[in-house]
Protein backbone atom coordinates (compact mmCIF):
# COMPACT_ATOMS: atom_id res chain seq x y z
CA UNK A 1 0.00 0.00 0.00
CA UNK A 2 1.27 3.35 -0.81
CA UNK A 3 0.59 6.27 1.50
CA UNK A 4 -0.11 9.91 0.72
CA UNK A 5 3.52 10.91 1.20
CA UNK A 6 4.71 8.33 -1.30
CA UNK A 7 2.19 9.55 -3.92
CA UNK A 8 3.28 13.16 -3.51
CA UNK A 9 6.94 12.10 -3.87
CA UNK A 10 6.07 10.25 -7.10
CA UNK A 11 4.28 13.33 -8.41
CA UNK A 12 7.26 15.50 -7.58
CA UNK A 13 9.67 13.16 -9.38
CA UNK A 14 7.33 12.98 -12.37
CA UNK A 15 7.29 16.76 -12.54
CA UNK A 16 11.04 16.96 -12.46
CA UNK A 17 11.63 14.21 -15.05
CA UNK A 18 11.67 15.16 -18.70
CA UNK A 19 8.75 14.01 -20.78
CA UNK A 20 9.40 10.71 -22.46
CA UNK A 21 6.26 10.77 -24.59
CA UNK A 22 7.26 13.50 -26.96
CA UNK A 23 10.58 12.03 -27.89
CA UNK A 24 12.40 15.34 -27.47
CA UNK A 25 14.24 16.52 -24.42
CA UNK A 26 12.80 19.43 -22.51
CA UNK A 27 14.28 21.55 -19.87
CA UNK A 28 13.30 20.94 -16.27
CA UNK A 29 11.00 23.95 -16.05
CA UNK A 30 9.04 23.24 -19.20
CA UNK A 31 8.57 19.61 -18.31
CA UNK A 32 7.46 20.37 -14.79
CA UNK A 33 5.02 23.06 -16.01
CA UNK A 34 3.56 20.72 -18.60
CA UNK A 35 3.18 17.96 -16.03
CA UNK A 36 1.60 20.37 -13.56
CA UNK A 37 -0.91 21.48 -16.14
CA UNK A 38 -1.81 17.88 -16.94
CA UNK A 39 -2.19 16.89 -13.32
CA UNK A 40 -4.30 19.85 -12.12
CA UNK A 41 -7.97 19.12 -11.93
CA UNK A 42 -10.17 21.41 -14.05
CA UNK A 43 -12.27 22.45 -11.06
CA UNK A 44 -10.28 23.45 -8.01
CA UNK A 45 -11.50 24.02 -4.51
CA UNK A 46 -10.88 27.73 -4.82
CA UNK A 47 -12.99 27.93 -7.97
CA UNK A 48 -15.85 26.10 -6.26
CA UNK A 49 -15.69 28.44 -3.27
CA UNK A 50 -15.54 31.51 -5.52
CA UNK A 51 -18.50 30.28 -7.60
CA UNK A 52 -20.54 29.53 -4.48
CA UNK A 53 -19.80 32.99 -3.05
CA UNK A 54 -20.88 34.61 -6.32
CA UNK A 55 -24.10 32.55 -6.38
CA UNK A 56 -24.85 33.47 -2.76
CA UNK A 57 -24.27 37.16 -3.51
CA UNK A 58 -26.54 37.04 -6.55
CA UNK A 59 -29.30 35.28 -4.63
CA UNK A 60 -28.92 37.63 -1.67
CA UNK A 61 -28.99 40.78 -3.79
CA UNK A 62 -31.72 39.73 -6.26
CA UNK A 63 -34.66 40.50 -3.96
CA UNK A 64 -33.47 43.95 -2.83
CA UNK A 65 -32.63 44.97 -6.40
CA UNK A 66 -36.07 43.85 -7.57
CA UNK A 67 -37.70 45.81 -4.76
CA UNK A 68 -35.60 48.85 -5.62
CA UNK A 69 -36.75 48.74 -9.24
CA UNK A 70 -40.37 48.30 -8.13
CA UNK A 71 -40.14 51.22 -5.70
CA UNK A 72 -38.58 53.44 -8.38
CA UNK A 73 -41.55 52.67 -10.62
CA UNK A 74 -43.99 53.53 -7.83
CA UNK A 75 -42.14 56.77 -7.12
CA UNK A 76 -42.33 57.77 -10.79
CA UNK A 77 -46.06 56.96 -10.90
CA UNK A 78 -46.69 59.02 -7.76
CA UNK A 79 -44.71 61.92 -9.18
CA UNK A 80 -46.87 61.82 -12.31
CA UNK A 81 -50.04 61.77 -10.18
CA UNK A 82 -48.70 64.67 -8.13
CA UNK A 83 -47.97 66.70 -11.27
CA UNK A 84 -51.50 66.01 -12.60
CA UNK A 85 -53.05 67.03 -9.27
CA UNK A 86 -50.95 70.21 -9.18
CA UNK A 87 -52.07 71.08 -12.72
CA UNK A 88 -55.71 70.56 -11.65
CA UNK A 89 -55.17 72.82 -8.62
CA UNK A 90 -53.66 75.51 -10.85
CA UNK A 91 -56.65 75.31 -13.21
CA UNK A 92 -59.06 75.59 -10.29
CA UNK A 93 -57.22 78.61 -8.91
CA UNK A 94 -57.48 80.32 -12.30
CA UNK A 95 -61.20 79.48 -12.43
CA UNK A 96 -61.64 80.86 -8.92
CA UNK A 97 -60.02 84.13 -9.96
CA UNK A 98 -62.29 84.33 -13.03
CA UNK A 99 -65.41 83.71 -10.96
CA UNK A 100 -64.58 86.76 -8.85
CA UNK A 101 -65.15 88.93 -11.94
CA UNK A 102 -68.85 89.93 -12.19
CA UNK A 103 -68.73 90.27 -15.98
CA UNK A 104 -67.52 86.69 -16.34
CA UNK A 105 -70.30 85.43 -14.04
CA UNK A 106 -72.93 87.32 -16.07
CA UNK A 107 -71.57 85.86 -19.32
CA UNK A 108 -71.74 82.34 -17.82
CA UNK A 109 -75.32 82.82 -16.67
CA UNK A 110 -76.40 84.16 -20.05
CA UNK A 111 -74.64 81.35 -21.92
CA UNK A 112 -75.59 78.37 -19.79
CA UNK A 113 -78.99 79.35 -18.46
CA UNK A 114 -80.11 81.42 -21.50
CA UNK A 115 -80.95 84.44 -19.37
CA UNK A 116 -81.77 87.69 -21.12
CA UNK A 117 -81.42 91.23 -19.95
CA UNK A 118 -84.54 93.40 -20.03
CA UNK A 119 -85.29 94.55 -23.57
CA UNK A 120 -83.40 91.73 -25.30
CA UNK A 121 -85.01 89.16 -27.57
CA UNK A 122 -83.71 85.59 -27.43
CA UNK A 123 -83.87 83.07 -30.28
CA UNK A 124 -83.86 79.27 -30.09
CA UNK A 125 -83.53 77.33 -33.35
CA UNK A 126 -84.79 73.77 -33.22
CA UNK A 127 -83.40 71.04 -35.42
CA UNK A 128 -86.25 69.80 -37.63
CA UNK A 129 -84.91 66.25 -37.59
CA UNK A 130 -85.25 66.11 -33.81
CA UNK A 131 -88.74 67.55 -33.54
CA UNK A 132 -91.39 64.81 -33.91
CA UNK A 133 -94.60 65.49 -35.79
CA UNK A 134 -97.13 66.59 -33.16
CA UNK A 135 -100.09 64.57 -34.47
CA UNK A 136 -98.13 61.33 -34.83
CA UNK A 137 -96.62 61.54 -31.35
CA UNK A 138 -99.99 62.34 -29.76
CA UNK A 139 -101.75 59.42 -31.48
CA UNK A 140 -98.99 57.03 -30.56
CA UNK A 141 -98.96 58.17 -26.92
CA UNK A 142 -102.76 57.86 -26.63
CA UNK A 143 -102.80 54.29 -27.95
CA UNK A 144 -100.21 52.95 -25.46
CA UNK A 145 -100.78 52.04 -21.84
CA UNK A 146 -98.60 53.73 -19.22
CA UNK A 147 -96.08 50.88 -18.93
CA UNK A 148 -95.82 50.49 -22.71
CA UNK A 149 -95.19 54.22 -23.00
CA UNK A 150 -92.53 54.00 -20.31
CA UNK A 151 -90.83 51.10 -22.07
CA UNK A 152 -91.04 52.89 -25.45
CA UNK A 153 -89.43 56.00 -23.97
CA UNK A 154 -86.60 53.88 -22.53
CA UNK A 155 -86.06 52.34 -25.96
CA UNK A 156 -86.18 55.73 -27.68
CA UNK A 157 -83.61 57.19 -25.33
CA UNK A 158 -81.43 54.12 -25.76
CA UNK A 159 -81.38 54.58 -29.56
CA UNK A 160 -81.21 58.38 -29.58
CA UNK A 161 -78.21 60.11 -31.09
CA UNK A 162 -76.56 63.30 -29.94
CA UNK A 163 -77.72 66.41 -31.79
CA UNK A 164 -75.42 67.45 -34.60
CA UNK A 165 -76.40 71.11 -34.40
CA UNK A 166 -76.23 73.19 -31.26
CA UNK A 167 -79.63 74.83 -30.79
CA UNK A 168 -79.74 78.58 -31.13
CA UNK A 169 -82.36 80.91 -29.69
CA UNK A 170 -86.13 81.00 -30.34
CA UNK A 171 -87.63 84.46 -30.27
CA UNK A 172 -89.25 85.22 -26.94
CA UNK A 173 -91.35 88.17 -26.01
CA UNK A 174 -89.61 90.46 -23.53
CA UNK A 175 -92.76 90.69 -21.43
CA UNK A 176 -93.26 86.89 -21.27
CA UNK A 177 -92.82 85.31 -17.82
CA UNK A 178 -89.62 83.39 -17.36
C-alpha atoms as a PDB file:
ATOM      1  CA  UNK A   1       0.000   0.000   0.000  1.00  0.00           C
ATOM      2  CA  UNK A   2       1.269   3.350  -0.810  1.00  0.00           C
ATOM      3  CA  UNK A   3       0.588   6.274   1.501  1.00  0.00           C
ATOM      4  CA  UNK A   4      -0.107   9.909   0.718  1.00  0.00           C
ATOM      5  CA  UNK A   5       3.523  10.911   1.200  1.00  0.00           C
ATOM      6  CA  UNK A   6       4.707   8.326  -1.296  1.00  0.00           C
ATOM      7  CA  UNK A   7       2.191   9.551  -3.921  1.00  0.00           C
ATOM      8  CA  UNK A   8       3.275  13.161  -3.508  1.00  0.00           C
ATOM      9  CA  UNK A   9       6.936  12.103  -3.867  1.00  0.00           C
ATOM     10  CA  UNK A  10       6.071  10.249  -7.098  1.00  0.00           C
ATOM     11  CA  UNK A  11       4.281  13.333  -8.408  1.00  0.00           C
ATOM     12  CA  UNK A  12       7.259  15.502  -7.578  1.00  0.00           C
ATOM     13  CA  UNK A  13       9.671  13.161  -9.380  1.00  0.00           C
ATOM     14  CA  UNK A  14       7.327  12.984 -12.368  1.00  0.00           C
ATOM     15  CA  UNK A  15       7.290  16.761 -12.542  1.00  0.00           C
ATOM     16  CA  UNK A  16      11.043  16.959 -12.458  1.00  0.00           C
ATOM     17  CA  UNK A  17      11.632  14.213 -15.047  1.00  0.00           C
ATOM     18  CA  UNK A  18      11.669  15.161 -18.700  1.00  0.00           C
ATOM     19  CA  UNK A  19       8.747  14.009 -20.780  1.00  0.00           C
ATOM     20  CA  UNK A  20       9.401  10.705 -22.455  1.00  0.00           C
ATOM     21  CA  UNK A  21       6.262  10.769 -24.590  1.00  0.00           C
ATOM     22  CA  UNK A  22       7.261  13.499 -26.964  1.00  0.00           C
ATOM     23  CA  UNK A  23      10.582  12.033 -27.889  1.00  0.00           C
ATOM     24  CA  UNK A  24      12.399  15.337 -27.467  1.00  0.00           C
ATOM     25  CA  UNK A  25      14.243  16.517 -24.419  1.00  0.00           C
ATOM     26  CA  UNK A  26      12.799  19.425 -22.514  1.00  0.00           C
ATOM     27  CA  UNK A  27      14.281  21.548 -19.870  1.00  0.00           C
ATOM     28  CA  UNK A  28      13.297  20.943 -16.266  1.00  0.00           C
ATOM     29  CA  UNK A  29      10.997  23.947 -16.049  1.00  0.00           C
ATOM     30  CA  UNK A  30       9.044  23.241 -19.203  1.00  0.00           C
ATOM     31  CA  UNK A  31       8.569  19.605 -18.315  1.00  0.00           C
ATOM     32  CA  UNK A  32       7.463  20.367 -14.793  1.00  0.00           C
ATOM     33  CA  UNK A  33       5.021  23.056 -16.009  1.00  0.00           C
ATOM     34  CA  UNK A  34       3.560  20.716 -18.599  1.00  0.00           C
ATOM     35  CA  UNK A  35       3.183  17.963 -16.031  1.00  0.00           C
ATOM     36  CA  UNK A  36       1.603  20.370 -13.558  1.00  0.00           C
ATOM     37  CA  UNK A  37      -0.914  21.484 -16.143  1.00  0.00           C
ATOM     38  CA  UNK A  38      -1.812  17.876 -16.941  1.00  0.00           C
ATOM     39  CA  UNK A  39      -2.188  16.889 -13.320  1.00  0.00           C
ATOM     40  CA  UNK A  40      -4.301  19.855 -12.120  1.00  0.00           C
ATOM     41  CA  UNK A  41      -7.968  19.122 -11.927  1.00  0.00           C
ATOM     42  CA  UNK A  42     -10.170  21.405 -14.046  1.00  0.00           C
ATOM     43  CA  UNK A  43     -12.273  22.446 -11.057  1.00  0.00           C
ATOM     44  CA  UNK A  44     -10.278  23.446  -8.010  1.00  0.00           C
ATOM     45  CA  UNK A  45     -11.497  24.016  -4.509  1.00  0.00           C
ATOM     46  CA  UNK A  46     -10.878  27.731  -4.824  1.00  0.00           C
ATOM     47  CA  UNK A  47     -12.987  27.931  -7.971  1.00  0.00           C
ATOM     48  CA  UNK A  48     -15.850  26.101  -6.261  1.00  0.00           C
ATOM     49  CA  UNK A  49     -15.695  28.437  -3.270  1.00  0.00           C
ATOM     50  CA  UNK A  50     -15.540  31.510  -5.519  1.00  0.00           C
ATOM     51  CA  UNK A  51     -18.497  30.284  -7.597  1.00  0.00           C
ATOM     52  CA  UNK A  52     -20.545  29.531  -4.484  1.00  0.00           C
ATOM     53  CA  UNK A  53     -19.801  32.992  -3.049  1.00  0.00           C
ATOM     54  CA  UNK A  54     -20.881  34.608  -6.320  1.00  0.00           C
ATOM     55  CA  UNK A  55     -24.100  32.553  -6.385  1.00  0.00           C
ATOM     56  CA  UNK A  56     -24.851  33.472  -2.762  1.00  0.00           C
ATOM     57  CA  UNK A  57     -24.275  37.163  -3.511  1.00  0.00           C
ATOM     58  CA  UNK A  58     -26.541  37.043  -6.551  1.00  0.00           C
ATOM     59  CA  UNK A  59     -29.302  35.278  -4.634  1.00  0.00           C
ATOM     60  CA  UNK A  60     -28.916  37.634  -1.675  1.00  0.00           C
ATOM     61  CA  UNK A  61     -28.995  40.779  -3.791  1.00  0.00           C
ATOM     62  CA  UNK A  62     -31.720  39.734  -6.257  1.00  0.00           C
ATOM     63  CA  UNK A  63     -34.662  40.500  -3.964  1.00  0.00           C
ATOM     64  CA  UNK A  64     -33.467  43.952  -2.826  1.00  0.00           C
ATOM     65  CA  UNK A  65     -32.632  44.966  -6.395  1.00  0.00           C
ATOM     66  CA  UNK A  66     -36.070  43.849  -7.570  1.00  0.00           C
ATOM     67  CA  UNK A  67     -37.702  45.811  -4.758  1.00  0.00           C
ATOM     68  CA  UNK A  68     -35.602  48.848  -5.617  1.00  0.00           C
ATOM     69  CA  UNK A  69     -36.746  48.741  -9.238  1.00  0.00           C
ATOM     70  CA  UNK A  70     -40.373  48.299  -8.133  1.00  0.00           C
ATOM     71  CA  UNK A  71     -40.138  51.218  -5.704  1.00  0.00           C
ATOM     72  CA  UNK A  72     -38.584  53.443  -8.380  1.00  0.00           C
ATOM     73  CA  UNK A  73     -41.546  52.666 -10.617  1.00  0.00           C
ATOM     74  CA  UNK A  74     -43.986  53.529  -7.833  1.00  0.00           C
ATOM     75  CA  UNK A  75     -42.140  56.772  -7.120  1.00  0.00           C
ATOM     76  CA  UNK A  76     -42.327  57.768 -10.791  1.00  0.00           C
ATOM     77  CA  UNK A  77     -46.060  56.963 -10.901  1.00  0.00           C
ATOM     78  CA  UNK A  78     -46.694  59.015  -7.755  1.00  0.00           C
ATOM     79  CA  UNK A  79     -44.706  61.921  -9.180  1.00  0.00           C
ATOM     80  CA  UNK A  80     -46.867  61.825 -12.312  1.00  0.00           C
ATOM     81  CA  UNK A  81     -50.038  61.774 -10.183  1.00  0.00           C
ATOM     82  CA  UNK A  82     -48.705  64.665  -8.126  1.00  0.00           C
ATOM     83  CA  UNK A  83     -47.975  66.697 -11.273  1.00  0.00           C
ATOM     84  CA  UNK A  84     -51.498  66.014 -12.596  1.00  0.00           C
ATOM     85  CA  UNK A  85     -53.046  67.028  -9.270  1.00  0.00           C
ATOM     86  CA  UNK A  86     -50.952  70.206  -9.180  1.00  0.00           C
ATOM     87  CA  UNK A  87     -52.070  71.078 -12.721  1.00  0.00           C
ATOM     88  CA  UNK A  88     -55.706  70.556 -11.648  1.00  0.00           C
ATOM     89  CA  UNK A  89     -55.172  72.818  -8.618  1.00  0.00           C
ATOM     90  CA  UNK A  90     -53.661  75.507 -10.854  1.00  0.00           C
ATOM     91  CA  UNK A  91     -56.651  75.308 -13.212  1.00  0.00           C
ATOM     92  CA  UNK A  92     -59.065  75.591 -10.295  1.00  0.00           C
ATOM     93  CA  UNK A  93     -57.223  78.613  -8.914  1.00  0.00           C
ATOM     94  CA  UNK A  94     -57.477  80.323 -12.301  1.00  0.00           C
ATOM     95  CA  UNK A  95     -61.197  79.484 -12.435  1.00  0.00           C
ATOM     96  CA  UNK A  96     -61.635  80.856  -8.915  1.00  0.00           C
ATOM     97  CA  UNK A  97     -60.024  84.131  -9.961  1.00  0.00           C
ATOM     98  CA  UNK A  98     -62.288  84.330 -13.034  1.00  0.00           C
ATOM     99  CA  UNK A  99     -65.414  83.710 -10.960  1.00  0.00           C
ATOM    100  CA  UNK A 100     -64.583  86.757  -8.847  1.00  0.00           C
ATOM    101  CA  UNK A 101     -65.150  88.929 -11.937  1.00  0.00           C
ATOM    102  CA  UNK A 102     -68.852  89.926 -12.188  1.00  0.00           C
ATOM    103  CA  UNK A 103     -68.735  90.272 -15.975  1.00  0.00           C
ATOM    104  CA  UNK A 104     -67.525  86.687 -16.339  1.00  0.00           C
ATOM    105  CA  UNK A 105     -70.303  85.433 -14.044  1.00  0.00           C
ATOM    106  CA  UNK A 106     -72.925  87.318 -16.074  1.00  0.00           C
ATOM    107  CA  UNK A 107     -71.566  85.856 -19.317  1.00  0.00           C
ATOM    108  CA  UNK A 108     -71.737  82.337 -17.822  1.00  0.00           C
ATOM    109  CA  UNK A 109     -75.322  82.822 -16.669  1.00  0.00           C
ATOM    110  CA  UNK A 110     -76.399  84.159 -20.049  1.00  0.00           C
ATOM    111  CA  UNK A 111     -74.640  81.354 -21.923  1.00  0.00           C
ATOM    112  CA  UNK A 112     -75.591  78.374 -19.792  1.00  0.00           C
ATOM    113  CA  UNK A 113     -78.993  79.355 -18.458  1.00  0.00           C
ATOM    114  CA  UNK A 114     -80.107  81.422 -21.497  1.00  0.00           C
ATOM    115  CA  UNK A 115     -80.947  84.444 -19.369  1.00  0.00           C
ATOM    116  CA  UNK A 116     -81.774  87.694 -21.124  1.00  0.00           C
ATOM    117  CA  UNK A 117     -81.419  91.229 -19.951  1.00  0.00           C
ATOM    118  CA  UNK A 118     -84.537  93.398 -20.025  1.00  0.00           C
ATOM    119  CA  UNK A 119     -85.293  94.546 -23.566  1.00  0.00           C
ATOM    120  CA  UNK A 120     -83.399  91.730 -25.300  1.00  0.00           C
ATOM    121  CA  UNK A 121     -85.014  89.157 -27.570  1.00  0.00           C
ATOM    122  CA  UNK A 122     -83.710  85.586 -27.433  1.00  0.00           C
ATOM    123  CA  UNK A 123     -83.870  83.074 -30.282  1.00  0.00           C
ATOM    124  CA  UNK A 124     -83.865  79.269 -30.088  1.00  0.00           C
ATOM    125  CA  UNK A 125     -83.528  77.332 -33.346  1.00  0.00           C
ATOM    126  CA  UNK A 126     -84.787  73.771 -33.222  1.00  0.00           C
ATOM    127  CA  UNK A 127     -83.402  71.035 -35.424  1.00  0.00           C
ATOM    128  CA  UNK A 128     -86.253  69.799 -37.632  1.00  0.00           C
ATOM    129  CA  UNK A 129     -84.906  66.247 -37.595  1.00  0.00           C
ATOM    130  CA  UNK A 130     -85.254  66.115 -33.808  1.00  0.00           C
ATOM    131  CA  UNK A 131     -88.742  67.546 -33.544  1.00  0.00           C
ATOM    132  CA  UNK A 132     -91.394  64.813 -33.913  1.00  0.00           C
ATOM    133  CA  UNK A 133     -94.602  65.486 -35.787  1.00  0.00           C
ATOM    134  CA  UNK A 134     -97.130  66.593 -33.155  1.00  0.00           C
ATOM    135  CA  UNK A 135    -100.090  64.565 -34.472  1.00  0.00           C
ATOM    136  CA  UNK A 136     -98.130  61.328 -34.829  1.00  0.00           C
ATOM    137  CA  UNK A 137     -96.625  61.541 -31.353  1.00  0.00           C
ATOM    138  CA  UNK A 138     -99.994  62.345 -29.762  1.00  0.00           C
ATOM    139  CA  UNK A 139    -101.748  59.423 -31.482  1.00  0.00           C
ATOM    140  CA  UNK A 140     -98.993  57.030 -30.558  1.00  0.00           C
ATOM    141  CA  UNK A 141     -98.961  58.171 -26.918  1.00  0.00           C
ATOM    142  CA  UNK A 142    -102.758  57.856 -26.633  1.00  0.00           C
ATOM    143  CA  UNK A 143    -102.805  54.285 -27.954  1.00  0.00           C
ATOM    144  CA  UNK A 144    -100.206  52.947 -25.456  1.00  0.00           C
ATOM    145  CA  UNK A 145    -100.784  52.044 -21.837  1.00  0.00           C
ATOM    146  CA  UNK A 146     -98.601  53.727 -19.221  1.00  0.00           C
ATOM    147  CA  UNK A 147     -96.083  50.883 -18.929  1.00  0.00           C
ATOM    148  CA  UNK A 148     -95.817  50.492 -22.711  1.00  0.00           C
ATOM    149  CA  UNK A 149     -95.190  54.218 -23.004  1.00  0.00           C
ATOM    150  CA  UNK A 150     -92.532  53.997 -20.310  1.00  0.00           C
ATOM    151  CA  UNK A 151     -90.829  51.100 -22.075  1.00  0.00           C
ATOM    152  CA  UNK A 152     -91.038  52.890 -25.448  1.00  0.00           C
ATOM    153  CA  UNK A 153     -89.434  55.995 -23.965  1.00  0.00           C
ATOM    154  CA  UNK A 154     -86.599  53.885 -22.532  1.00  0.00           C
ATOM    155  CA  UNK A 155     -86.061  52.338 -25.959  1.00  0.00           C
ATOM    156  CA  UNK A 156     -86.185  55.732 -27.676  1.00  0.00           C
ATOM    157  CA  UNK A 157     -83.606  57.188 -25.325  1.00  0.00           C
ATOM    158  CA  UNK A 158     -81.434  54.121 -25.761  1.00  0.00           C
ATOM    159  CA  UNK A 159     -81.376  54.584 -29.557  1.00  0.00           C
ATOM    160  CA  UNK A 160     -81.210  58.381 -29.585  1.00  0.00           C
ATOM    161  CA  UNK A 161     -78.207  60.114 -31.094  1.00  0.00           C
ATOM    162  CA  UNK A 162     -76.555  63.296 -29.941  1.00  0.00           C
ATOM    163  CA  UNK A 163     -77.719  66.412 -31.785  1.00  0.00           C
ATOM    164  CA  UNK A 164     -75.417  67.452 -34.596  1.00  0.00           C
ATOM    165  CA  UNK A 165     -76.402  71.111 -34.400  1.00  0.00           C
ATOM    166  CA  UNK A 166     -76.229  73.193 -31.259  1.00  0.00           C
ATOM    167  CA  UNK A 167     -79.635  74.825 -30.786  1.00  0.00           C
ATOM    168  CA  UNK A 168     -79.739  78.579 -31.133  1.00  0.00           C
ATOM    169  CA  UNK A 169     -82.361  80.905 -29.688  1.00  0.00           C
ATOM    170  CA  UNK A 170     -86.133  80.998 -30.342  1.00  0.00           C
ATOM    171  CA  UNK A 171     -87.635  84.457 -30.271  1.00  0.00           C
ATOM    172  CA  UNK A 172     -89.251  85.218 -26.941  1.00  0.00           C
ATOM    173  CA  UNK A 173     -91.346  88.170 -26.012  1.00  0.00           C
ATOM    174  CA  UNK A 174     -89.606  90.458 -23.532  1.00  0.00           C
ATOM    175  CA  UNK A 175     -92.761  90.688 -21.429  1.00  0.00           C
ATOM    176  CA  UNK A 176     -93.264  86.891 -21.273  1.00  0.00           C
ATOM    177  CA  UNK A 177     -92.825  85.309 -17.824  1.00  0.00           C
ATOM    178  CA  UNK A 178     -89.624  83.389 -17.358  1.00  0.00           C
END
